[in-house]
Protein backbone atom coordinates (compact mmCIF):
# COMPACT_ATOMS: atom_id res chain seq x y z
CA MET A 1 -4.58 36.54 29.46
CA ALA A 2 -1.96 34.02 28.23
CA ASP A 3 -1.41 33.23 24.60
CA PRO A 4 -3.22 30.18 23.31
CA LYS A 5 -1.18 27.06 23.13
CA PRO A 6 0.32 26.74 19.61
CA ALA A 7 -1.10 24.11 17.32
CA ASN A 8 0.57 20.80 16.97
CA PRO A 9 2.86 21.25 13.91
CA GLU A 10 1.94 17.81 12.46
CA TRP A 11 -1.75 18.62 12.81
CA ALA A 12 -1.21 22.02 11.19
CA ALA A 13 0.66 20.43 8.27
CA GLN A 14 -1.99 17.69 7.85
CA ARG A 15 -4.74 20.40 7.90
CA ARG A 16 -2.88 22.57 5.35
CA LEU A 17 -2.62 19.65 2.87
CA GLU A 18 -6.25 18.64 3.41
CA ASP A 19 -7.24 22.26 2.57
CA LEU A 20 -5.14 22.23 -0.57
CA PHE A 21 -6.71 18.96 -1.83
CA ALA A 22 -10.22 20.19 -0.74
CA LYS A 23 -9.74 22.86 -3.53
CA ILE A 24 -8.95 20.12 -6.10
CA ALA A 25 -12.01 18.14 -5.04
CA GLU A 26 -14.09 21.14 -5.78
CA LYS A 27 -12.90 20.94 -9.33
CA TYR A 28 -12.84 17.14 -9.85
CA GLY A 29 -15.50 15.91 -7.38
CA ASP A 30 -15.14 13.68 -4.18
CA LEU A 31 -11.69 11.92 -4.15
CA THR A 32 -12.54 9.69 -1.10
CA GLY A 33 -11.20 6.25 -1.71
CA ARG A 34 -9.09 7.46 -4.67
CA PHE A 35 -6.49 9.67 -3.14
CA GLU A 36 -5.20 10.42 0.41
CA VAL A 37 -2.45 12.37 1.85
CA LYS A 38 -0.84 11.75 5.29
CA TYR A 39 1.73 13.86 6.88
CA ARG A 40 4.36 11.37 8.23
CA PRO A 41 2.35 8.09 8.60
CA ASP A 42 3.02 5.93 11.69
CA THR A 43 3.39 2.49 10.08
CA THR A 44 6.84 1.10 10.66
CA PHE A 45 8.93 -1.71 9.08
CA ASP A 46 8.74 -3.63 12.40
CA GLN A 47 4.86 -3.80 12.02
CA ILE A 48 5.26 -5.75 8.80
CA GLY A 49 5.86 -9.51 9.15
CA GLY A 50 8.23 -11.45 6.79
CA LEU A 51 9.62 -9.64 3.70
CA LYS A 52 13.10 -9.48 5.14
CA ALA A 53 14.87 -8.83 1.79
CA ALA A 54 12.25 -6.35 0.50
CA LYS A 55 12.36 -4.38 3.80
CA ALA A 56 16.08 -4.19 3.87
CA THR A 57 16.36 -3.05 0.25
CA LEU A 58 13.63 -0.49 0.54
CA ARG A 59 14.91 0.86 3.89
CA GLY A 60 18.06 1.73 2.08
CA PHE A 61 16.27 4.16 -0.25
CA ALA A 62 15.30 6.31 2.81
CA THR A 63 18.59 8.08 2.23
CA ALA A 64 17.18 9.53 -1.02
CA LEU A 65 14.70 11.39 1.25
CA THR A 66 16.58 12.00 4.45
CA ALA A 67 20.09 12.72 3.20
CA PRO A 68 20.25 12.96 -0.63
CA GLU A 69 23.54 14.84 -0.42
CA VAL A 70 25.19 11.50 0.50
CA TYR A 71 24.86 10.51 -3.21
CA ARG A 72 26.64 13.65 -4.29
CA GLN A 73 29.54 12.61 -2.18
CA TRP A 74 29.79 9.56 -4.30
CA GLY A 75 29.49 11.39 -7.57
CA ILE A 76 25.85 10.32 -8.42
CA THR A 77 22.31 11.61 -8.10
CA PRO A 78 19.70 9.96 -5.92
CA PRO A 79 17.28 7.48 -7.55
CA LYS A 80 13.81 8.90 -8.25
CA GLY A 81 11.83 5.69 -7.51
CA VAL A 82 11.16 2.00 -7.28
CA LEU A 83 8.64 -0.46 -8.50
CA LEU A 84 7.28 -3.02 -5.99
CA TYR A 85 5.97 -6.08 -7.62
CA GLY A 86 4.35 -9.27 -6.37
CA PRO A 87 0.93 -11.02 -5.77
CA PRO A 88 -1.98 -9.08 -4.23
CA GLY A 89 -1.96 -8.77 -0.43
CA THR A 90 1.73 -9.19 0.14
CA GLY A 91 2.26 -5.81 1.85
CA LYS A 92 3.34 -3.45 -0.89
CA SER A 93 1.18 -0.65 0.49
CA LEU A 94 2.46 -1.21 3.91
CA LEU A 95 5.99 -1.10 2.68
CA ALA A 96 5.46 2.25 1.00
CA ARG A 97 3.88 3.66 4.16
CA ALA A 98 6.82 2.37 6.24
CA LEU A 99 9.36 4.03 3.98
CA ALA A 100 7.47 7.42 4.38
CA SER A 101 7.41 6.91 8.13
CA VAL A 102 11.08 6.13 8.54
CA SER A 103 11.95 9.03 6.20
CA GLU A 104 9.43 11.43 8.03
CA ALA A 105 8.01 12.23 4.71
CA THR A 106 4.52 13.39 3.64
CA PHE A 107 2.78 10.30 2.07
CA TYR A 108 0.68 10.74 -1.03
CA HIS A 109 -1.30 7.71 -1.92
CA LEU A 110 -2.75 7.65 -5.34
CA LYS A 111 -5.10 4.67 -5.78
CA LEU A 112 -4.78 4.56 -9.51
CA LEU A 113 -7.37 1.87 -10.24
CA ASN A 114 -10.04 3.97 -8.47
CA LEU A 115 -8.85 7.24 -9.97
CA THR A 116 -8.73 5.88 -13.62
CA SER A 117 -12.06 4.15 -13.16
CA LYS A 118 -13.71 7.46 -12.43
CA PHE A 119 -11.78 9.85 -14.61
CA GLY A 120 -10.65 7.50 -17.44
CA PRO A 121 -8.24 9.16 -19.89
CA THR A 122 -8.60 12.53 -18.32
CA ALA A 123 -7.01 11.22 -15.12
CA GLY A 124 -3.82 12.74 -16.36
CA ASP A 125 -5.05 16.24 -15.67
CA LEU A 126 -5.86 15.26 -12.13
CA LEU A 127 -2.37 13.49 -11.66
CA GLN A 128 -0.59 16.65 -12.88
CA GLU A 129 -2.31 18.85 -10.26
CA ILE A 130 -1.65 16.32 -7.38
CA LEU A 131 1.87 15.88 -8.35
CA ALA A 132 2.53 19.56 -8.78
CA ILE A 133 1.57 20.03 -5.15
CA ALA A 134 3.37 16.91 -3.93
CA VAL A 135 6.80 17.91 -5.31
CA GLN A 136 6.58 21.32 -3.45
CA GLU A 137 6.70 19.58 -0.06
CA PRO A 138 9.99 19.61 1.92
CA ARG A 139 10.14 15.77 1.91
CA THR A 140 7.68 13.68 -0.17
CA LEU A 141 6.93 10.11 -0.90
CA ILE A 142 4.35 9.51 -3.81
CA PHE A 143 2.82 6.13 -3.90
CA LEU A 144 1.35 4.98 -7.20
CA ASP A 145 -0.87 2.11 -6.07
CA GLU A 146 -1.92 -0.59 -8.66
CA ALA A 147 0.21 1.09 -11.35
CA ASP A 148 -0.95 -1.38 -13.89
CA ALA A 149 -4.31 0.47 -13.98
CA LEU A 150 -2.51 3.05 -16.09
CA SER A 151 -2.90 0.68 -19.01
CA LEU A 152 -6.69 1.55 -18.90
CA GLU A 153 -7.47 -2.08 -19.91
CA HIS A 154 -10.22 -2.22 -17.41
CA LEU A 155 -12.02 0.63 -19.07
CA LEU A 156 -11.60 0.59 -22.80
CA PRO A 157 -11.09 -1.91 -25.67
CA PRO A 158 -7.51 -2.63 -26.51
CA PRO A 159 -6.93 -0.05 -29.39
CA GLN A 160 -8.52 2.85 -27.47
CA ALA A 161 -6.80 1.71 -24.21
CA ARG A 162 -3.38 1.80 -25.78
CA GLU A 163 -3.89 5.26 -27.21
CA ALA A 164 -5.37 6.79 -24.02
CA SER A 165 -2.81 5.02 -21.85
CA ALA A 166 0.03 6.36 -23.91
CA ARG A 167 -1.15 9.96 -23.14
CA LEU A 168 -1.49 9.09 -19.40
CA ILE A 169 1.99 7.51 -19.22
CA ALA A 170 3.51 10.43 -21.06
CA VAL A 171 2.13 12.77 -18.37
CA LEU A 172 3.53 10.67 -15.60
CA ALA A 173 6.88 10.19 -17.33
CA GLU A 174 7.03 13.93 -17.82
CA LYS A 175 6.56 14.51 -14.07
CA LEU A 176 9.09 11.91 -13.19
CA ASP A 177 11.68 13.45 -15.48
CA GLY A 178 10.92 16.86 -14.01
CA ILE A 179 11.78 15.93 -10.39
CA GLU A 180 14.91 17.73 -9.54
CA ASP A 181 17.98 15.96 -8.35
CA PHE A 182 18.48 16.06 -4.56
CA SER A 183 14.87 17.40 -4.12
CA ARG A 184 13.86 14.94 -1.42
CA VAL A 185 11.04 13.48 -3.60
CA PHE A 186 10.72 9.75 -4.07
CA VAL A 187 8.18 7.74 -6.04
CA VAL A 188 7.12 4.21 -5.16
CA ALA A 189 4.86 2.33 -7.61
CA ALA A 190 3.23 -1.09 -6.91
CA THR A 191 1.73 -3.71 -9.07
CA SER A 192 0.76 -7.34 -9.08
CA ARG A 193 0.80 -7.41 -12.94
CA THR A 194 4.30 -6.54 -14.32
CA ASP A 195 3.06 -7.41 -17.81
CA ALA A 196 0.79 -4.37 -17.77
CA ILE A 197 3.49 -1.90 -16.80
CA ASP A 198 4.59 0.31 -19.61
CA PRO A 199 8.45 -0.18 -20.12
CA SER A 200 8.91 3.60 -20.30
CA LEU A 201 8.01 3.91 -16.54
CA VAL A 202 10.84 1.63 -15.52
CA ALA A 203 13.40 3.25 -17.87
CA PRO A 204 16.73 4.56 -16.38
CA GLY A 205 16.16 7.66 -14.38
CA ARG A 206 12.48 6.78 -13.59
CA LEU A 207 11.21 3.84 -11.52
CA ASP A 208 14.23 1.91 -12.44
CA ARG A 209 14.72 -0.01 -9.13
CA LEU A 210 12.60 -3.20 -9.00
CA ILE A 211 11.86 -4.90 -5.71
CA GLU A 212 10.00 -8.22 -5.41
CA VAL A 213 7.41 -8.51 -2.67
CA PRO A 214 6.61 -12.31 -2.65
CA LEU A 215 4.16 -14.45 -0.79
CA PRO A 216 5.53 -15.13 2.66
CA ASP A 217 7.38 -18.33 3.54
CA PRO A 218 6.29 -20.32 6.69
CA GLN A 219 8.49 -18.10 8.96
CA GLY A 220 7.12 -15.02 7.52
CA GLN A 221 3.53 -16.33 7.87
CA GLN A 222 4.12 -16.97 11.54
CA GLU A 223 5.59 -13.53 12.00
CA ILE A 224 2.54 -12.03 10.17
CA PHE A 225 0.17 -14.04 12.34
CA LEU A 226 1.87 -13.08 15.62
CA LEU A 227 1.84 -9.36 14.71
CA ASN A 228 -1.85 -9.40 13.87
CA LYS A 229 -2.58 -11.43 16.96
CA ALA A 230 -0.76 -8.87 19.12
CA GLN A 231 -2.51 -5.96 17.45
CA ALA A 232 -5.98 -7.62 18.15
CA GLU A 233 -5.08 -8.30 21.74
CA LYS A 234 -3.78 -4.68 22.29
CA ALA A 235 -7.01 -3.30 20.78
CA ALA A 236 -9.13 -5.50 23.05
CA ALA A 237 -6.83 -4.98 26.14
CA ARG A 238 -7.01 -8.72 26.96
CA ARG A 239 -5.98 -12.13 25.81
CA LEU A 240 -7.94 -13.45 22.89
CA PHE A 241 -6.04 -16.52 21.79
CA ALA A 242 -5.20 -19.76 23.43
CA GLU A 243 -1.81 -21.37 23.04
CA LEU A 244 -1.44 -22.13 19.30
CA ASP A 245 0.19 -25.04 17.55
CA PHE A 246 1.87 -23.47 14.52
CA ARG A 247 3.07 -26.92 13.36
CA SER A 248 -0.67 -27.63 12.54
CA LEU A 249 -1.49 -24.12 11.39
CA LEU A 250 1.30 -23.33 8.96
CA PRO A 251 0.88 -26.22 6.38
CA PRO A 252 -2.72 -25.35 5.48
CA MET A 253 -1.81 -21.68 5.34
CA GLY A 254 0.73 -22.44 2.48
CA GLY A 255 0.41 -19.94 -0.33
CA MET A 256 -1.56 -17.45 1.70
CA SER A 257 -0.67 -13.70 1.51
CA GLY A 258 -0.35 -11.51 4.60
CA ALA A 259 -3.66 -10.06 3.84
CA GLU A 260 -5.34 -13.44 3.66
CA ILE A 261 -3.77 -14.42 7.05
CA GLN A 262 -5.10 -11.22 8.47
CA GLU A 263 -8.52 -12.01 7.12
CA VAL A 264 -8.50 -15.58 8.64
CA ILE A 265 -7.75 -14.03 12.04
CA ARG A 266 -10.40 -11.48 11.72
CA ARG A 267 -12.96 -14.12 10.77
CA ALA A 268 -12.05 -16.19 13.77
CA LEU A 269 -12.41 -13.26 16.07
CA GLU A 270 -15.72 -12.36 14.35
CA THR A 271 -17.03 -15.88 15.05
CA LYS A 272 -16.25 -15.43 18.73
CA ALA A 273 -17.89 -11.94 18.79
CA HIS A 274 -21.17 -13.37 17.35
CA ARG A 275 -21.20 -16.12 19.94
CA ALA A 276 -20.63 -13.60 22.75
CA GLY A 277 -23.34 -11.40 21.22
CA ALA A 278 -25.81 -14.37 21.40
CA GLY A 279 -24.97 -14.79 25.12
CA GLU A 280 -22.86 -17.93 24.66
CA GLN A 281 -19.51 -18.75 26.26
CA ALA A 282 -17.16 -17.94 23.38
CA GLY A 283 -13.93 -18.92 24.89
CA LEU A 284 -10.37 -18.08 23.47
CA VAL A 285 -9.56 -18.57 19.78
CA SER A 286 -7.99 -22.08 19.46
CA THR A 287 -5.81 -23.89 16.91
CA GLN A 288 -8.98 -25.79 15.88
CA ASP A 289 -10.97 -22.65 15.45
CA LEU A 290 -8.31 -21.19 13.21
CA LEU A 291 -8.13 -24.42 11.10
CA GLN A 292 -11.74 -24.27 10.47
CA GLU A 293 -11.53 -20.59 9.46
CA ILE A 294 -8.68 -21.42 7.05
CA ASP A 295 -10.69 -24.21 5.44
CA GLY A 296 -13.72 -22.01 5.18
CA TYR A 297 -11.76 -19.11 3.70
CA ARG A 298 -10.23 -21.31 1.04
CA ARG A 299 -13.70 -22.73 0.04
CA ILE A 300 -15.07 -19.20 -0.21
CA LYS A 301 -11.98 -18.10 -2.29
CA GLU A 302 -12.72 -20.81 -4.79
CA VAL A 303 -16.31 -19.56 -5.23
CA VAL A 304 -15.02 -15.98 -5.70
CA GLU A 305 -12.51 -17.12 -8.42
CA LYS A 306 -15.34 -19.03 -10.21
CA ILE A 307 -17.51 -15.87 -10.06
CA ARG A 308 -14.62 -13.80 -11.37
CA TYR A 309 -14.12 -16.04 -14.40
CA GLY A 310 -17.76 -16.34 -15.16
CA GLN A 311 -18.31 -20.00 -14.12
CA TYR A 312 -21.34 -19.17 -12.10
CA LEU A 313 -22.83 -16.66 -14.59
């Protein structure tokens, strides 16, 4: 009888990592929605619309993971990490995934707001265990999502938050300092609130490279729109959109993030799905359909903002 076909090496690596973190979950509880690990994610820079400068700068740091010895040839050590900053929904998480993909690195995604909300000041213990495993991988990208959550302002009054946050930051700073030179470990942190980032995290030798991830300009918005349109049509295996007039669409989309543009497209397709489900002739998504969804989204966003700031309470 022939030997069984060997397991896919990527599947085996992913399974091994999941087994490791299942043991951590036994100690700390369910980590779903708080932490994930992916062996070589498949997101690419070409799948991210706009952000030309941010993509070019971040792509350069792939060398720290793929060929750190190049830095030695120039008499320096590789950087340990970067801080991505900019408004919510501009693609910071996608950029981190794409860097892991182009570097063929294992991607550790720590969702710090969710982690600290559950574990509070004791989140440092969990961070230490996760990072201890991460740095042992042959090539690792650690993504600290919503790094401003380390301030713990969302959990505690200011005096207690400052004290507890200082301990948490100290743990993380110690781990950053402990990353060995040329180790093929790189850390990417992201925030939409630079004012809440502890200065010690961006000190020299830590996350000392800062990259702005701004809202997209009109050209970037069109790129984002076309990428999401293509993804939807590929998933549906058919045409979903009529010919679109971007001269009409781009002005009312001014100031929208990539995530908001994606949501407008999803809502337009959802409206069509509801009509088809009711037995109506839905037709293709038109420019007018999208203009209506943009207007509706903006009105809903205004309501959400009022609720957030207590104007409806």
